[in-house]
Structure formats: structure tokens, C-alpha cells
Amino acid sequence: MASTAVLPVSTKARRTNKKVHLRSPAFDVTSFLDSAGLRRTIGKFQGKETIFAQGDPANHVIYIQEGGVKLTVVNESGKEAVVAVLGPTDFFGEGCLAGQSLCIATATAVAPTTVLLIEKKEMTRVLHEEHEFSDRFIAYMLVRNARVEEDLIDQLFNSSEKRLARTLLLLAHFGAQGQPQKVIPKISQETLAEMIGTTRSRVNFFMNKFRKLGFIQYDGEIRINNSLLSVVLHD
């Protein structure tokens, strides 16, 4: 870990009295994590640096502020698979809240990355006391579970070309609230190949095809155009 700094517990966000007919702004999870009474540690990692390893004690829920994180698992024979690549506003490590004592995956930064590490006891306390945050966190986990189901269907029934297009769109947060981020965290073709279950040469072929068709700009970093969605929708 490049550097860490423990932030003190602050007072709860002040409540303001508003007329009942005024609509309150949408709850902002990022702002809450930045300012509310939540004890957490800031961690800064360089690309390819390990945040936690498979088999480490599962003691923290982690929130990504900047950068990106790759989750990988290794089986008994040493074969590695990429489970997910996550970006800003994503949580991971939440398995500790469900009783996991050990990390079931390895988390590695794929670019310079800043995260908030929240101890299990502190996260449990906040979920009980801050109902708006609890609602948002539960909603996030439900969406995450639906994503896992969709990933399985994608692997079972779609071509590698569609799987690659869908993965790139998900990395760009296409369809999420707000505008897609267009530029996705730097990620290698090898990692993309592991994520969609194909070879690097196939990924290279489709990336060049997408670039020629104007679906992406690919020069070190990857810029995603909305037109890439046509690959996923095409039968």
C-alpha cells in the first residue's frame, strides 16, 4: 500500500428543516462516505498492487473512490479467472458482512486507485444507524446480484464478440444513472480475455474490429461510444 491515513469520526451530517412540500435531493452515497460519521482508512494503490489476497482475513468493506480494481480467483490447480473489474462508486469485500471469515478472491488495482477501507464492525453500525445509506447499499447489492446472473447467462449463450462488447459497456457504466464515463480504466487484452472466457488473439481481433467500425477509440486507453451497444443488441 503506498499510503494510508486514518480519518477521525466526525459528527453526523446536520439535518435541515425543510417545508414538507419541497423534495429533498437524491441521497448521495459518495458525499455521505466523504463527510458523515464513518471511521474509515484511505488507501492509495498503484497499478498491479494487491489490495488483499485470496485467503486473507475478511475484515473490511471497501469503496472505490478513484481508479479500478480487478477481482480474481485461483483454483487448486493454479488456474486463475477474473471475476470482475470494478470502478469508482463500487463496493467490494462485502462478503465479510455475511459471515465470510476469509477473502475468496484477490483484489488488485488495475490503475492508480484510491479506496476507503471500512472495518466490518463500523460498516455494520452505519447500516443500522443511517437508514438512507442502508437503503442505498442494499439496492446496490441487489443490482450487483442481478449483474452476476446476467454475467452467467452471457457466458452460457452469447458469442465472444457480444461478451466483449457487453463487458466494455459495463466497465463504462453504460445504463447507470448519469452519463457513462466514456474512458474506462486501463485494462489489458489478457484481462479482458480472462473475463469473457476466450483468447487474447480473439479479443485483439474484436477490439480492432470495434475500432474500425467507430465503436471505440483504442490507443492505450479505451474510449467507448454508445454505438457499441448495437453489437449487444444485434441477433
C-alpha atoms as a PDB file:
ATOM      1  CA  MET A   1       0.000   0.000   0.000  1.00  0.00           C
ATOM      2  CA  ALA A   2       1.508   3.313  -0.985  1.00  0.00           C
ATOM      3  CA  SER A   3      -0.004   5.381   1.858  1.00  0.00           C
ATOM      4  CA  THR A   4      -2.797   5.314   4.378  1.00  0.00           C
ATOM      5  CA  ALA A   5      -4.386   7.902   6.632  1.00  0.00           C
ATOM      6  CA  VAL A   6      -6.935   7.248   9.366  1.00  0.00           C
ATOM      7  CA  LEU A   7      -9.779   9.738   9.373  1.00  0.00           C
ATOM      8  CA  PRO A   8     -11.398  10.664  12.722  1.00  0.00           C
ATOM      9  CA  VAL A   9     -15.036  10.092  13.477  1.00  0.00           C
ATOM     10  CA  SER A  10     -16.966  13.225  12.547  1.00  0.00           C
ATOM     11  CA  THR A  11     -20.394  14.319  13.694  1.00  0.00           C
ATOM     12  CA  LYS A  12     -23.415  13.183  11.748  1.00  0.00           C
ATOM     13  CA  ALA A  13     -24.476  15.296   8.857  1.00  0.00           C
ATOM     14  CA  ARG A  14     -26.666  18.122  10.098  1.00  0.00           C
ATOM     15  CA  ARG A  15     -30.354  17.814   9.410  1.00  0.00           C
ATOM     16  CA  THR A  16     -32.009  20.899   7.944  1.00  0.00           C
ATOM     17  CA  ASN A  17     -35.652  21.753   8.458  1.00  0.00           C
ATOM     18  CA  LYS A  18     -37.455  21.940   5.115  1.00  0.00           C
ATOM     19  CA  LYS A  19     -41.041  22.500   4.190  1.00  0.00           C
ATOM     20  CA  VAL A  20     -42.780  19.229   3.608  1.00  0.00           C
ATOM     21  CA  HIS A  21     -43.774  20.117   0.067  1.00  0.00           C
ATOM     22  CA  LEU A  22     -40.143  20.533  -1.023  1.00  0.00           C
ATOM     23  CA  ARG A  23     -38.486  17.463  -2.465  1.00  0.00           C
ATOM     24  CA  SER A  24     -35.182  16.546  -0.847  1.00  0.00           C
ATOM     25  CA  PRO A  25     -32.265  15.942  -3.204  1.00  0.00           C
ATOM     26  CA  ALA A  26     -31.363  12.334  -4.010  1.00  0.00           C
ATOM     27  CA  PHE A  27     -29.182  10.714  -1.373  1.00  0.00           C
ATOM     28  CA  ASP A  28     -25.536  10.881  -2.455  1.00  0.00           C
ATOM     29  CA  VAL A  29     -23.596   7.844  -1.237  1.00  0.00           C
ATOM     30  CA  THR A  30     -20.246   9.383  -2.225  1.00  0.00           C
ATOM     31  CA  SER A  31     -20.911  12.587  -0.278  1.00  0.00           C
ATOM     32  CA  PHE A  32     -22.072  10.555   2.712  1.00  0.00           C
ATOM     33  CA  LEU A  33     -18.892   8.482   2.745  1.00  0.00           C
ATOM     34  CA  ASP A  34     -16.811  11.639   2.420  1.00  0.00           C
ATOM     35  CA  SER A  35     -18.448  13.558   5.254  1.00  0.00           C
ATOM     36  CA  ALA A  36     -20.620  11.509   7.602  1.00  0.00           C
ATOM     37  CA  GLY A  37     -19.717   9.964  10.943  1.00  0.00           C
ATOM     38  CA  LEU A  38     -17.911   6.994   9.484  1.00  0.00           C
ATOM     39  CA  ARG A  39     -14.495   5.804  10.638  1.00  0.00           C
ATOM     40  CA  ARG A  40     -12.513   4.565   7.657  1.00  0.00           C
ATOM     41  CA  THR A  41      -8.992   4.378   6.277  1.00  0.00           C
ATOM     42  CA  ILE A  42      -7.953   5.856   2.958  1.00  0.00           C
ATOM     43  CA  GLY A  43      -5.776   3.513   0.914  1.00  0.00           C
ATOM     44  CA  LYS A  44      -3.810   4.503  -2.187  1.00  0.00           C
ATOM     45  CA  PHE A  45      -2.533   1.779  -4.508  1.00  0.00           C
ATOM     46  CA  GLN A  46      -0.503   1.765  -7.695  1.00  0.00           C
ATOM     47  CA  GLY A  47      -1.421  -0.304 -10.749  1.00  0.00           C
ATOM     48  CA  LYS A  48      -0.893  -4.059 -10.225  1.00  0.00           C
ATOM     49  CA  GLU A  49      -0.624  -3.582  -6.449  1.00  0.00           C
ATOM     50  CA  THR A  50      -2.548  -6.105  -4.324  1.00  0.00           C
ATOM     51  CA  ILE A  51      -5.240  -4.699  -2.030  1.00  0.00           C
ATOM     52  CA  PHE A  52      -5.983  -8.061  -0.434  1.00  0.00           C
ATOM     53  CA  ALA A  53      -5.216 -11.650  -1.411  1.00  0.00           C
ATOM     54  CA  GLN A  54      -7.361 -14.754  -1.615  1.00  0.00           C
ATOM     55  CA  GLY A  55      -7.268 -16.386   1.814  1.00  0.00           C
ATOM     56  CA  ASP A  56      -6.566 -13.164   3.750  1.00  0.00           C
ATOM     57  CA  PRO A  57      -8.834 -12.385   6.729  1.00  0.00           C
ATOM     58  CA  ALA A  58     -12.053 -10.717   5.528  1.00  0.00           C
ATOM     59  CA  ASN A  59     -12.294  -7.692   7.813  1.00  0.00           C
ATOM     60  CA  HIS A  60     -13.251  -4.735   5.600  1.00  0.00           C
ATOM     61  CA  VAL A  61     -15.850  -3.467   3.181  1.00  0.00           C
ATOM     62  CA  ILE A  62     -14.076  -1.378   0.549  1.00  0.00           C
ATOM     63  CA  TYR A  63     -15.393   1.504  -1.551  1.00  0.00           C
ATOM     64  CA  ILE A  64     -13.597   2.686  -4.690  1.00  0.00           C
ATOM     65  CA  GLN A  65     -13.187   6.461  -4.972  1.00  0.00           C
ATOM     66  CA  GLU A  66     -10.831   6.593  -7.960  1.00  0.00           C
ATOM     67  CA  GLY A  67      -9.218   4.075 -10.293  1.00  0.00           C
ATOM     68  CA  GLY A  68     -10.174   0.448 -10.802  1.00  0.00           C
ATOM     69  CA  VAL A  69      -9.897  -2.958  -9.129  1.00  0.00           C
ATOM     70  CA  LYS A  70      -9.699  -6.462 -10.589  1.00  0.00           C
ATOM     71  CA  LEU A  71     -11.058  -9.422  -8.603  1.00  0.00           C
ATOM     72  CA  THR A  72      -9.510 -12.791  -9.431  1.00  0.00           C
ATOM     73  CA  VAL A  73      -9.770 -16.317  -8.041  1.00  0.00           C
ATOM     74  CA  VAL A  74      -7.329 -19.209  -8.298  1.00  0.00           C
ATOM     75  CA  ASN A  75      -8.386 -22.857  -8.075  1.00  0.00           C
ATOM     76  CA  GLU A  76      -6.437 -25.726  -6.512  1.00  0.00           C
ATOM     77  CA  SER A  77      -4.603 -26.460  -9.775  1.00  0.00           C
ATOM     78  CA  GLY A  78      -3.432 -22.856 -10.052  1.00  0.00           C
ATOM     79  CA  LYS A  79      -5.775 -21.715 -12.821  1.00  0.00           C
ATOM     80  CA  GLU A  80      -6.744 -18.055 -12.429  1.00  0.00           C
ATOM     81  CA  ALA A  81     -10.018 -16.437 -13.507  1.00  0.00           C
ATOM     82  CA  VAL A  82     -11.123 -12.807 -13.467  1.00  0.00           C
ATOM     83  CA  VAL A  83     -14.395 -12.467 -11.544  1.00  0.00           C
ATOM     84  CA  ALA A  84     -14.962  -8.746 -12.057  1.00  0.00           C
ATOM     85  CA  VAL A  85     -13.366  -5.413 -12.817  1.00  0.00           C
ATOM     86  CA  LEU A  86     -14.809  -2.622 -10.668  1.00  0.00           C
ATOM     87  CA  GLY A  87     -14.579   1.156 -10.851  1.00  0.00           C
ATOM     88  CA  PRO A  88     -15.428   4.333  -8.918  1.00  0.00           C
ATOM     89  CA  THR A  89     -18.530   4.118  -6.648  1.00  0.00           C
ATOM     90  CA  ASP A  90     -18.328   0.303  -6.497  1.00  0.00           C
ATOM     91  CA  PHE A  91     -18.096  -1.638  -3.215  1.00  0.00           C
ATOM     92  CA  PHE A  92     -16.301  -4.937  -2.723  1.00  0.00           C
ATOM     93  CA  GLY A  93     -15.315  -7.123   0.208  1.00  0.00           C
ATOM     94  CA  GLU A  94     -18.912  -7.048   1.440  1.00  0.00           C
ATOM     95  CA  GLY A  95     -18.832 -10.818   1.981  1.00  0.00           C
ATOM     96  CA  CYS A  96     -17.493 -10.202   5.483  1.00  0.00           C
ATOM     97  CA  LEU A  97     -20.944  -8.845   6.414  1.00  0.00           C
ATOM     98  CA  ALA A  98     -22.454 -12.230   5.515  1.00  0.00           C
ATOM     99  CA  GLY A  99     -20.064 -14.210   7.694  1.00  0.00           C
ATOM    100  CA  GLN A 100     -17.126 -14.800   5.346  1.00  0.00           C
ATOM    101  CA  SER A 101     -14.018 -15.069   7.505  1.00  0.00           C
ATOM    102  CA  LEU A 102     -11.559 -15.249   4.595  1.00  0.00           C
ATOM    103  CA  CYS A 103     -11.354 -13.371   1.305  1.00  0.00           C
ATOM    104  CA  ILE A 104     -12.489 -15.649  -1.524  1.00  0.00           C
ATOM    105  CA  ALA A 105     -10.760 -13.567  -4.227  1.00  0.00           C
ATOM    106  CA  THR A 106      -7.676 -11.427  -4.760  1.00  0.00           C
ATOM    107  CA  ALA A 107      -8.243  -7.700  -5.315  1.00  0.00           C
ATOM    108  CA  THR A 108      -5.646  -5.943  -7.466  1.00  0.00           C
ATOM    109  CA  ALA A 109      -5.530  -2.305  -8.557  1.00  0.00           C
ATOM    110  CA  VAL A 110      -5.580  -2.016 -12.363  1.00  0.00           C
ATOM    111  CA  ALA A 111      -4.553   1.667 -12.278  1.00  0.00           C
ATOM    112  CA  PRO A 112      -3.609   4.212  -9.587  1.00  0.00           C
ATOM    113  CA  THR A 113      -6.513   3.676  -7.191  1.00  0.00           C
ATOM    114  CA  THR A 114      -7.914   5.326  -4.067  1.00  0.00           C
ATOM    115  CA  VAL A 115     -10.245   3.344  -1.815  1.00  0.00           C
ATOM    116  CA  LEU A 116     -11.999   3.706   1.526  1.00  0.00           C
ATOM    117  CA  LEU A 117     -11.483   0.714   3.831  1.00  0.00           C
ATOM    118  CA  ILE A 118     -14.323   0.386   6.328  1.00  0.00           C
ATOM    119  CA  GLU A 119     -13.994  -2.123   9.154  1.00  0.00           C
ATOM    120  CA  LYS A 120     -16.739  -4.729   9.379  1.00  0.00           C
ATOM    121  CA  LYS A 121     -17.980  -3.532  12.805  1.00  0.00           C
ATOM    122  CA  GLU A 122     -18.092   0.083  11.649  1.00  0.00           C
ATOM    123  CA  MET A 123     -19.964  -0.809   8.457  1.00  0.00           C
ATOM    124  CA  THR A 124     -22.488  -2.829  10.471  1.00  0.00           C
ATOM    125  CA  ARG A 125     -23.012   0.113  12.828  1.00  0.00           C
ATOM    126  CA  VAL A 126     -23.605   2.580   9.993  1.00  0.00           C
ATOM    127  CA  LEU A 127     -26.015   0.213   8.220  1.00  0.00           C
ATOM    128  CA  HIS A 128     -28.079   0.045  11.423  1.00  0.00           C
ATOM    129  CA  GLU A 129     -27.979   3.779  12.213  1.00  0.00           C
ATOM    130  CA  GLU A 130     -28.062   5.502   8.812  1.00  0.00           C
ATOM    131  CA  HIS A 131     -31.191   4.253   7.095  1.00  0.00           C
ATOM    132  CA  GLU A 132     -30.741   6.179   3.847  1.00  0.00           C
ATOM    133  CA  PHE A 133     -27.265   4.765   3.410  1.00  0.00           C
ATOM    134  CA  SER A 134     -28.535   1.289   4.328  1.00  0.00           C
ATOM    135  CA  ASP A 135     -31.257   1.522   1.669  1.00  0.00           C
ATOM    136  CA  ARG A 136     -28.748   2.562  -0.979  1.00  0.00           C
ATOM    137  CA  PHE A 137     -26.286  -0.161  -0.017  1.00  0.00           C
ATOM    138  CA  ILE A 138     -28.988  -2.861  -0.162  1.00  0.00           C
ATOM    139  CA  ALA A 139     -30.136  -1.535  -3.544  1.00  0.00           C
ATOM    140  CA  TYR A 140     -26.538  -1.695  -4.760  1.00  0.00           C
ATOM    141  CA  MET A 141     -26.186  -5.312  -3.642  1.00  0.00           C
ATOM    142  CA  LEU A 142     -29.436  -6.307  -5.367  1.00  0.00           C
ATOM    143  CA  VAL A 143     -28.220  -4.756  -8.620  1.00  0.00           C
ATOM    144  CA  ARG A 144     -24.874  -6.500  -8.132  1.00  0.00           C
ATOM    145  CA  ASN A 145     -26.590  -9.884  -7.722  1.00  0.00           C
ATOM    146  CA  ALA A 146     -28.649  -9.293 -10.870  1.00  0.00           C
ATOM    147  CA  ARG A 147     -25.407  -8.463 -12.677  1.00  0.00           C
ATOM    148  CA  VAL A 148     -23.914 -11.802 -11.605  1.00  0.00           C
ATOM    149  CA  GLU A 149     -26.926 -13.649 -13.037  1.00  0.00           C
ATOM    150  CA  GLU A 150     -26.658 -11.690 -16.286  1.00  0.00           C
ATOM    151  CA  ASP A 151     -22.931 -12.487 -16.479  1.00  0.00           C
ATOM    152  CA  LEU A 152     -23.684 -16.204 -16.194  1.00  0.00           C
ATOM    153  CA  ILE A 153     -26.309 -16.032 -18.955  1.00  0.00           C
ATOM    154  CA  ASP A 154     -23.874 -14.034 -21.075  1.00  0.00           C
ATOM    155  CA  GLN A 155     -21.188 -16.706 -20.692  1.00  0.00           C
ATOM    156  CA  LEU A 156     -23.599 -19.535 -21.480  1.00  0.00           C
ATOM    157  CA  PHE A 157     -25.409 -18.170 -24.521  1.00  0.00           C
ATOM    158  CA  ASN A 158     -23.595 -15.242 -26.173  1.00  0.00           C
ATOM    159  CA  SER A 159     -20.699 -15.199 -28.622  1.00  0.00           C
ATOM    160  CA  SER A 160     -17.287 -13.944 -27.501  1.00  0.00           C
ATOM    161  CA  GLU A 161     -17.831 -10.803 -29.601  1.00  0.00           C
ATOM    162  CA  LYS A 162     -21.054  -9.958 -27.724  1.00  0.00           C
ATOM    163  CA  ARG A 163     -19.455 -10.830 -24.389  1.00  0.00           C
ATOM    164  CA  LEU A 164     -16.577  -8.444 -25.081  1.00  0.00           C
ATOM    165  CA  ALA A 165     -18.906  -5.626 -26.159  1.00  0.00           C
ATOM    166  CA  ARG A 166     -21.078  -6.112 -23.058  1.00  0.00           C
ATOM    167  CA  THR A 167     -18.030  -6.151 -20.778  1.00  0.00           C
ATOM    168  CA  LEU A 168     -16.701  -2.894 -22.246  1.00  0.00           C
ATOM    169  CA  LEU A 169     -20.104  -1.235 -21.842  1.00  0.00           C
ATOM    170  CA  LEU A 170     -20.347  -2.398 -18.221  1.00  0.00           C
ATOM    171  CA  LEU A 171     -16.860  -1.091 -17.476  1.00  0.00           C
ATOM    172  CA  ALA A 172     -18.018   2.264 -18.862  1.00  0.00           C
ATOM    173  CA  HIS A 173     -21.086   2.103 -16.556  1.00  0.00           C
ATOM    174  CA  PHE A 174     -23.393   2.239 -19.576  1.00  0.00           C
ATOM    175  CA  GLY A 175     -27.006   2.354 -18.429  1.00  0.00           C
ATOM    176  CA  ALA A 176     -26.144   3.532 -14.919  1.00  0.00           C
ATOM    177  CA  GLN A 177     -27.502   6.775 -13.514  1.00  0.00           C
ATOM    178  CA  GLY A 178     -25.750   9.775 -15.022  1.00  0.00           C
ATOM    179  CA  GLN A 179     -23.570   9.771 -18.109  1.00  0.00           C
ATOM    180  CA  PRO A 180     -21.327   6.809 -18.934  1.00  0.00           C
ATOM    181  CA  GLN A 181     -17.712   7.587 -18.151  1.00  0.00           C
ATOM    182  CA  LYS A 182     -16.633   7.013 -21.790  1.00  0.00           C
ATOM    183  CA  VAL A 183     -12.993   6.315 -20.832  1.00  0.00           C
ATOM    184  CA  ILE A 184     -12.644   3.065 -18.892  1.00  0.00           C
ATOM    185  CA  PRO A 185      -9.774   2.166 -16.553  1.00  0.00           C
ATOM    186  CA  LYS A 186      -6.708   0.883 -18.387  1.00  0.00           C
ATOM    187  CA  ILE A 187      -7.115  -2.862 -18.790  1.00  0.00           C
ATOM    188  CA  SER A 188      -5.068  -5.377 -20.740  1.00  0.00           C
ATOM    189  CA  GLN A 189      -6.343  -7.630 -23.502  1.00  0.00           C
ATOM    190  CA  GLU A 190      -5.246 -10.596 -21.404  1.00  0.00           C
ATOM    191  CA  THR A 191      -7.545  -9.481 -18.588  1.00  0.00           C
ATOM    192  CA  LEU A 192     -10.442  -8.922 -20.994  1.00  0.00           C
ATOM    193  CA  ALA A 193      -9.865 -12.397 -22.429  1.00  0.00           C
ATOM    194  CA  GLU A 194      -9.979 -13.934 -18.933  1.00  0.00           C
ATOM    195  CA  MET A 195     -13.176 -12.041 -18.122  1.00  0.00           C
ATOM    196  CA  ILE A 196     -15.103 -13.268 -21.163  1.00  0.00           C
ATOM    197  CA  GLY A 197     -13.595 -16.744 -21.439  1.00  0.00           C
ATOM    198  CA  THR A 198     -11.703 -16.528 -24.721  1.00  0.00           C
ATOM    199  CA  THR A 199      -8.182 -15.985 -26.031  1.00  0.00           C
ATOM    200  CA  ARG A 200      -6.179 -12.772 -26.255  1.00  0.00           C
ATOM    201  CA  SER A 201      -5.983 -13.126 -30.045  1.00  0.00           C
ATOM    202  CA  ARG A 202      -9.797 -13.149 -30.289  1.00  0.00           C
ATOM    203  CA  VAL A 203     -10.017 -10.068 -28.065  1.00  0.00           C
ATOM    204  CA  ASN A 204      -7.416  -8.319 -30.230  1.00  0.00           C
ATOM    205  CA  PHE A 205      -9.399  -9.203 -33.382  1.00  0.00           C
ATOM    206  CA  PHE A 206     -12.665  -7.821 -31.989  1.00  0.00           C
ATOM    207  CA  MET A 207     -11.041  -4.715 -30.496  1.00  0.00           C
ATOM    208  CA  ASN A 208      -9.600  -3.864 -33.911  1.00  0.00           C
ATOM    209  CA  LYS A 209     -12.994  -4.544 -35.491  1.00  0.00           C
ATOM    210  CA  PHE A 210     -14.771  -2.280 -32.984  1.00  0.00           C
ATOM    211  CA  ARG A 211     -12.212   0.461 -33.621  1.00  0.00           C
ATOM    212  CA  LYS A 212     -12.587   0.272 -37.409  1.00  0.00           C
ATOM    213  CA  LEU A 213     -16.380   0.484 -37.054  1.00  0.00           C
ATOM    214  CA  GLY A 214     -16.067   3.552 -34.821  1.00  0.00           C
ATOM    215  CA  PHE A 215     -17.495   1.832 -31.734  1.00  0.00           C
ATOM    216  CA  ILE A 216     -14.381   2.560 -29.654  1.00  0.00           C
ATOM    217  CA  GLN A 217     -11.196   4.593 -29.742  1.00  0.00           C
ATOM    218  CA  TYR A 218      -8.363   2.398 -28.624  1.00  0.00           C
ATOM    219  CA  ASP A 219      -4.913   3.938 -28.143  1.00  0.00           C
ATOM    220  CA  GLY A 220      -3.572   2.838 -24.765  1.00  0.00           C
ATOM    221  CA  GLU A 221      -6.798   3.896 -23.039  1.00  0.00           C
ATOM    222  CA  ILE A 222     -10.209   2.791 -24.268  1.00  0.00           C
ATOM    223  CA  ARG A 223     -12.938   5.303 -25.124  1.00  0.00           C
ATOM    224  CA  ILE A 224     -16.396   3.801 -25.508  1.00  0.00           C
ATOM    225  CA  ASN A 225     -19.011   5.152 -27.921  1.00  0.00           C
ATOM    226  CA  ASN A 226     -22.716   4.467 -27.393  1.00  0.00           C
ATOM    227  CA  SER A 227     -22.819   2.792 -30.825  1.00  0.00           C
ATOM    228  CA  LEU A 228     -21.059  -0.242 -29.266  1.00  0.00           C
ATOM    229  CA  LEU A 229     -24.477  -1.173 -27.850  1.00  0.00           C
ATOM    230  CA  SER A 230     -25.508  -2.278 -31.351  1.00  0.00           C
ATOM    231  CA  VAL A 231     -23.194  -5.276 -31.056  1.00  0.00           C
ATOM    232  CA  VAL A 232     -25.026  -6.476 -27.923  1.00  0.00           C
ATOM    233  CA  LEU A 233     -28.475  -5.874 -29.390  1.00  0.00           C
ATOM    234  CA  HIS A 234     -27.735  -7.471 -32.768  1.00  0.00           C
ATOM    235  CA  ASP A 235     -29.047 -11.040 -33.186  1.00  0.00           C
END
